């Protein structure tokens, strides 16, 4: 990212995209074997989780407040979680990933 930023022209924009081979999802009747196979593939790569280093700060506060409001967690637990997320952000370790599924069909 530092090199991309360095060569980016004035007013330019960069949109990083990358795979997280450790988070690969495959539907299977044998989930344990599938996880083993996926991890084995990820372990062969030099940086299988490089995309996790891309940073973005989504509304974590709103997530915690909604969980507290619907009774999933108490205020103390929500506050504790938010403090942890803030600490991760300050240490440049904050990560949220949302998987998207795309289906295609050919006639």
N, C-alpha and C. Protein backbone atom coordinates (compact mmCIF):
# COMPACT_ATOMS: atom_id res chain seq x y z
N UNK A 1 0.82 -1.18 0.00
CA UNK A 1 0.00 0.00 0.00
C UNK A 1 0.87 1.26 0.00
N UNK A 2 1.96 1.22 0.72
CA UNK A 2 2.84 2.40 0.77
C UNK A 2 3.40 2.69 -0.61
N UNK A 3 3.79 1.66 -1.35
CA UNK A 3 4.33 1.87 -2.70
C UNK A 3 3.23 2.37 -3.64
N UNK A 4 2.04 1.85 -3.53
CA UNK A 4 0.93 2.32 -4.37
C UNK A 4 0.65 3.79 -4.09
N UNK A 5 0.65 4.16 -2.82
CA UNK A 5 0.42 5.56 -2.45
C UNK A 5 1.54 6.45 -2.99
N UNK A 6 2.76 5.94 -2.97
CA UNK A 6 3.90 6.73 -3.43
C UNK A 6 3.80 7.05 -4.92
N UNK A 7 3.35 6.11 -5.73
CA UNK A 7 3.32 6.32 -7.17
C UNK A 7 1.99 6.89 -7.67
N UNK A 8 1.03 7.00 -6.79
CA UNK A 8 -0.27 7.52 -7.17
C UNK A 8 -0.18 9.00 -7.49
N UNK A 9 -0.75 9.40 -8.63
CA UNK A 9 -0.72 10.80 -9.04
C UNK A 9 -1.63 11.65 -8.16
N UNK A 10 -1.40 12.96 -8.21
CA UNK A 10 -2.18 13.91 -7.42
C UNK A 10 -3.66 13.75 -7.76
N UNK A 11 -4.50 13.65 -6.74
CA UNK A 11 -5.93 13.49 -6.94
C UNK A 11 -6.32 12.08 -7.34
N UNK A 12 -5.34 11.19 -7.43
CA UNK A 12 -5.61 9.81 -7.82
C UNK A 12 -6.27 9.02 -6.70
N UNK A 13 -6.78 7.91 -7.04
CA UNK A 13 -7.47 7.06 -6.08
C UNK A 13 -7.03 5.62 -6.29
N UNK A 14 -6.93 4.90 -5.20
CA UNK A 14 -6.58 3.48 -5.28
C UNK A 14 -7.67 2.69 -4.56
N UNK A 15 -8.03 1.58 -5.14
CA UNK A 15 -9.03 0.68 -4.54
C UNK A 15 -8.37 -0.69 -4.43
N UNK A 16 -7.90 -1.05 -3.24
CA UNK A 16 -7.26 -2.35 -3.09
C UNK A 16 -8.29 -3.48 -3.12
N UNK A 17 -7.91 -4.55 -3.72
CA UNK A 17 -8.74 -5.76 -3.74
C UNK A 17 -7.80 -6.94 -3.57
N UNK A 18 -8.24 -7.91 -2.85
CA UNK A 18 -7.39 -9.07 -2.66
C UNK A 18 -8.14 -10.22 -2.03
N UNK A 19 -7.58 -11.37 -2.17
CA UNK A 19 -8.18 -12.56 -1.61
C UNK A 19 -7.69 -12.80 -0.19
N UNK A 20 -8.51 -13.46 0.56
CA UNK A 20 -8.13 -13.95 1.88
C UNK A 20 -8.30 -15.46 1.80
N UNK A 21 -7.23 -16.13 1.46
CA UNK A 21 -7.31 -17.57 1.21
C UNK A 21 -7.64 -18.36 2.46
N UNK A 22 -7.42 -17.79 3.62
CA UNK A 22 -7.76 -18.46 4.87
C UNK A 22 -9.26 -18.38 5.15
N UNK A 23 -9.97 -17.50 4.45
CA UNK A 23 -11.40 -17.32 4.66
C UNK A 23 -12.22 -17.89 3.50
N UNK A 24 -11.62 -18.64 2.65
CA UNK A 24 -12.32 -19.25 1.53
C UNK A 24 -13.46 -20.12 2.04
N UNK A 25 -14.63 -19.97 1.46
CA UNK A 25 -15.80 -20.76 1.87
C UNK A 25 -16.20 -21.70 0.75
N UNK A 26 -16.33 -22.96 1.06
CA UNK A 26 -16.78 -23.96 0.10
C UNK A 26 -17.87 -24.80 0.76
N UNK A 27 -19.00 -24.91 0.11
CA UNK A 27 -20.09 -25.74 0.62
C UNK A 27 -19.69 -27.20 0.47
N UNK A 28 -19.83 -27.95 1.54
CA UNK A 28 -19.40 -29.35 1.53
C UNK A 28 -20.15 -30.12 2.60
N UNK A 29 -20.30 -31.40 2.39
CA UNK A 29 -20.91 -32.25 3.41
C UNK A 29 -19.93 -32.58 4.54
N UNK A 30 -18.64 -32.36 4.30
CA UNK A 30 -17.62 -32.63 5.32
C UNK A 30 -16.88 -31.33 5.63
N UNK A 31 -17.45 -30.54 6.54
CA UNK A 31 -16.91 -29.22 6.86
C UNK A 31 -15.49 -29.30 7.41
N UNK A 32 -15.22 -30.27 8.26
CA UNK A 32 -13.88 -30.38 8.85
C UNK A 32 -12.82 -30.66 7.78
N UNK A 33 -13.10 -31.57 6.88
CA UNK A 33 -12.15 -31.87 5.80
C UNK A 33 -11.98 -30.65 4.90
N UNK A 34 -13.06 -29.97 4.62
CA UNK A 34 -12.99 -28.78 3.77
C UNK A 34 -12.10 -27.72 4.41
N UNK A 35 -12.26 -27.48 5.72
CA UNK A 35 -11.40 -26.51 6.41
C UNK A 35 -9.94 -26.92 6.33
N UNK A 36 -9.67 -28.20 6.48
CA UNK A 36 -8.29 -28.69 6.40
C UNK A 36 -7.71 -28.44 5.02
N UNK A 37 -8.49 -28.71 3.99
CA UNK A 37 -8.03 -28.49 2.62
C UNK A 37 -7.80 -27.01 2.34
N UNK A 38 -8.72 -26.17 2.78
CA UNK A 38 -8.59 -24.72 2.57
C UNK A 38 -7.36 -24.18 3.29
N UNK A 39 -7.17 -24.60 4.54
CA UNK A 39 -6.00 -24.12 5.29
C UNK A 39 -4.70 -24.61 4.67
N UNK A 40 -4.71 -25.84 4.15
CA UNK A 40 -3.50 -26.36 3.51
C UNK A 40 -3.13 -25.50 2.30
N UNK A 41 -4.12 -25.09 1.53
CA UNK A 41 -3.87 -24.22 0.37
C UNK A 41 -3.34 -22.86 0.84
N UNK A 42 -3.98 -22.29 1.84
CA UNK A 42 -3.55 -20.99 2.34
C UNK A 42 -2.13 -21.04 2.86
N UNK A 43 -1.77 -22.13 3.51
CA UNK A 43 -0.43 -22.25 4.08
C UNK A 43 0.67 -22.32 3.03
N UNK A 44 0.32 -22.61 1.77
CA UNK A 44 1.31 -22.66 0.70
C UNK A 44 1.68 -21.28 0.17
N UNK A 45 0.85 -20.29 0.47
CA UNK A 45 1.05 -18.95 -0.06
C UNK A 45 1.89 -18.11 0.89
N UNK A 46 2.63 -17.18 0.33
CA UNK A 46 3.47 -16.31 1.15
C UNK A 46 2.70 -15.38 2.06
N UNK A 47 1.59 -14.83 1.57
CA UNK A 47 0.76 -13.91 2.34
C UNK A 47 -0.71 -14.21 2.09
N UNK A 48 -1.21 -15.32 2.60
CA UNK A 48 -2.59 -15.71 2.30
C UNK A 48 -3.64 -14.78 2.88
N UNK A 49 -3.26 -14.00 3.86
CA UNK A 49 -4.22 -13.11 4.51
C UNK A 49 -3.87 -11.64 4.32
N UNK A 50 -3.16 -11.31 3.25
CA UNK A 50 -2.71 -9.94 3.02
C UNK A 50 -3.86 -8.95 2.96
N UNK A 51 -4.99 -9.37 2.42
CA UNK A 51 -6.13 -8.45 2.29
C UNK A 51 -6.66 -8.00 3.65
N UNK A 52 -6.38 -8.75 4.70
CA UNK A 52 -6.85 -8.36 6.03
C UNK A 52 -6.18 -7.08 6.52
N UNK A 53 -5.09 -6.71 5.89
CA UNK A 53 -4.38 -5.49 6.31
C UNK A 53 -5.00 -4.23 5.72
N UNK A 54 -5.95 -4.37 4.80
CA UNK A 54 -6.65 -3.20 4.26
C UNK A 54 -7.51 -2.66 5.39
N UNK A 55 -7.49 -1.36 5.60
CA UNK A 55 -8.19 -0.78 6.74
C UNK A 55 -9.38 0.06 6.33
N UNK A 56 -10.44 -0.10 7.11
CA UNK A 56 -11.65 0.68 6.93
C UNK A 56 -12.35 0.71 8.29
N UNK A 57 -12.93 1.82 8.67
CA UNK A 57 -13.59 1.92 9.97
C UNK A 57 -15.11 2.03 9.80
N UNK A 58 -15.80 0.89 9.76
CA UNK A 58 -17.27 0.93 9.66
C UNK A 58 -17.89 1.32 10.99
N UNK A 59 -19.18 1.49 11.04
CA UNK A 59 -19.84 1.96 12.27
C UNK A 59 -19.93 0.87 13.35
N UNK A 60 -18.81 0.55 13.96
CA UNK A 60 -18.79 -0.47 15.01
C UNK A 60 -19.66 -0.06 16.19
N UNK A 61 -19.72 1.22 16.46
CA UNK A 61 -20.53 1.69 17.58
C UNK A 61 -21.99 1.34 17.37
N UNK A 62 -22.48 1.54 16.16
CA UNK A 62 -23.88 1.22 15.87
C UNK A 62 -24.14 -0.28 16.03
N UNK A 63 -23.21 -1.11 15.60
CA UNK A 63 -23.37 -2.56 15.75
C UNK A 63 -23.51 -2.93 17.23
N UNK A 64 -22.65 -2.37 18.06
CA UNK A 64 -22.69 -2.68 19.49
C UNK A 64 -23.97 -2.16 20.13
N UNK A 65 -24.39 -0.96 19.74
CA UNK A 65 -25.62 -0.39 20.30
C UNK A 65 -26.84 -1.22 19.91
N UNK A 66 -26.88 -1.71 18.69
CA UNK A 66 -28.00 -2.55 18.26
C UNK A 66 -28.02 -3.87 19.02
N UNK A 67 -26.85 -4.46 19.24
CA UNK A 67 -26.78 -5.71 20.00
C UNK A 67 -27.22 -5.50 21.44
N UNK A 68 -26.86 -4.35 22.01
CA UNK A 68 -27.28 -4.04 23.38
C UNK A 68 -28.78 -3.78 23.42
N UNK A 69 -29.29 -3.04 22.43
CA UNK A 69 -30.72 -2.70 22.41
C UNK A 69 -31.62 -3.92 22.28
N UNK A 70 -31.17 -4.92 21.54
CA UNK A 70 -32.02 -6.10 21.39
C UNK A 70 -31.75 -7.17 22.45
N UNK A 71 -30.91 -6.84 23.42
CA UNK A 71 -30.68 -7.74 24.55
C UNK A 71 -29.64 -8.82 24.31
N UNK A 72 -28.94 -8.77 23.18
CA UNK A 72 -27.93 -9.79 22.91
C UNK A 72 -26.73 -9.68 23.86
N UNK A 73 -26.39 -8.44 24.25
CA UNK A 73 -25.30 -8.20 25.19
C UNK A 73 -25.70 -7.05 26.12
N UNK A 74 -25.09 -7.02 27.28
CA UNK A 74 -25.33 -5.92 28.21
C UNK A 74 -24.44 -4.73 27.88
N UNK A 75 -24.74 -3.60 28.52
CA UNK A 75 -23.97 -2.38 28.27
C UNK A 75 -22.49 -2.58 28.55
N UNK A 76 -22.14 -3.23 29.65
CA UNK A 76 -20.73 -3.42 29.99
C UNK A 76 -19.99 -4.22 28.92
N UNK A 77 -20.62 -5.28 28.44
CA UNK A 77 -19.99 -6.11 27.41
C UNK A 77 -19.85 -5.33 26.10
N UNK A 78 -20.89 -4.56 25.73
CA UNK A 78 -20.83 -3.76 24.51
C UNK A 78 -19.71 -2.72 24.62
N UNK A 79 -19.62 -2.05 25.76
CA UNK A 79 -18.57 -1.04 25.97
C UNK A 79 -17.19 -1.68 25.92
N UNK A 80 -17.06 -2.86 26.53
CA UNK A 80 -15.79 -3.59 26.53
C UNK A 80 -15.38 -3.94 25.08
N UNK A 81 -16.35 -4.40 24.30
CA UNK A 81 -16.08 -4.76 22.91
C UNK A 81 -15.66 -3.53 22.11
N UNK A 82 -16.39 -2.42 22.28
CA UNK A 82 -16.05 -1.19 21.57
C UNK A 82 -14.66 -0.69 21.94
N UNK A 83 -14.32 -0.77 23.20
CA UNK A 83 -12.98 -0.34 23.63
C UNK A 83 -11.92 -1.20 22.96
N UNK A 84 -12.17 -2.48 22.84
CA UNK A 84 -11.23 -3.38 22.15
C UNK A 84 -11.08 -3.01 20.68
N UNK A 85 -12.21 -2.70 20.03
CA UNK A 85 -12.16 -2.32 18.62
C UNK A 85 -11.41 -1.00 18.42
N UNK A 86 -11.64 -0.06 19.32
CA UNK A 86 -10.90 1.22 19.24
C UNK A 86 -9.40 0.98 19.41
N UNK A 87 -9.06 0.12 20.36
CA UNK A 87 -7.65 -0.21 20.57
C UNK A 87 -7.03 -0.85 19.34
N UNK A 88 -7.79 -1.74 18.69
CA UNK A 88 -7.29 -2.35 17.46
C UNK A 88 -7.10 -1.30 16.38
N UNK A 89 -8.04 -0.36 16.26
CA UNK A 89 -7.92 0.69 15.25
C UNK A 89 -6.69 1.55 15.51
N UNK A 90 -6.46 1.89 16.78
CA UNK A 90 -5.29 2.71 17.13
C UNK A 90 -3.98 1.98 16.83
N UNK A 91 -4.02 0.65 16.91
CA UNK A 91 -2.83 -0.15 16.62
C UNK A 91 -2.78 -0.59 15.16
N UNK A 92 -3.67 -0.02 14.33
CA UNK A 92 -3.76 -0.37 12.91
C UNK A 92 -4.01 -1.86 12.72
N UNK A 93 -4.90 -2.40 13.54
CA UNK A 93 -5.24 -3.82 13.47
C UNK A 93 -6.73 -4.05 13.34
N UNK A 94 -7.49 -3.02 13.03
CA UNK A 94 -8.95 -3.14 12.93
C UNK A 94 -9.33 -3.76 11.60
N UNK A 95 -10.21 -4.73 11.62
CA UNK A 95 -10.63 -5.39 10.38
C UNK A 95 -12.08 -5.82 10.50
N UNK A 96 -12.84 -5.54 9.46
CA UNK A 96 -14.19 -6.07 9.29
C UNK A 96 -14.27 -6.56 7.86
N UNK A 97 -14.77 -7.75 7.66
CA UNK A 97 -14.94 -8.28 6.31
C UNK A 97 -16.37 -8.75 6.15
N UNK A 98 -16.97 -8.42 5.04
CA UNK A 98 -18.33 -8.85 4.74
C UNK A 98 -18.29 -9.64 3.44
N UNK A 99 -18.54 -10.94 3.51
CA UNK A 99 -18.51 -11.72 2.27
C UNK A 99 -19.73 -11.44 1.40
N UNK A 100 -19.52 -11.44 0.09
CA UNK A 100 -20.59 -11.30 -0.88
C UNK A 100 -20.61 -12.56 -1.73
N UNK A 101 -21.78 -13.00 -2.06
CA UNK A 101 -21.93 -14.19 -2.90
C UNK A 101 -22.54 -13.77 -4.22
N UNK A 102 -21.98 -14.24 -5.31
CA UNK A 102 -22.48 -13.93 -6.65
C UNK A 102 -22.79 -15.25 -7.33
N UNK A 103 -23.96 -15.34 -7.90
CA UNK A 103 -24.35 -16.54 -8.65
C UNK A 103 -24.47 -16.15 -10.12
N UNK A 104 -24.03 -17.03 -11.00
CA UNK A 104 -24.12 -16.78 -12.44
C UNK A 104 -24.70 -18.01 -13.10
N UNK A 105 -25.29 -17.80 -14.24
CA UNK A 105 -25.90 -18.89 -14.97
C UNK A 105 -25.69 -18.69 -16.45
N UNK A 106 -25.54 -19.76 -17.16
CA UNK A 106 -25.41 -19.70 -18.61
C UNK A 106 -26.55 -20.52 -19.22
N UNK A 107 -27.10 -20.04 -20.31
CA UNK A 107 -28.18 -20.78 -20.98
C UNK A 107 -27.62 -21.76 -21.95
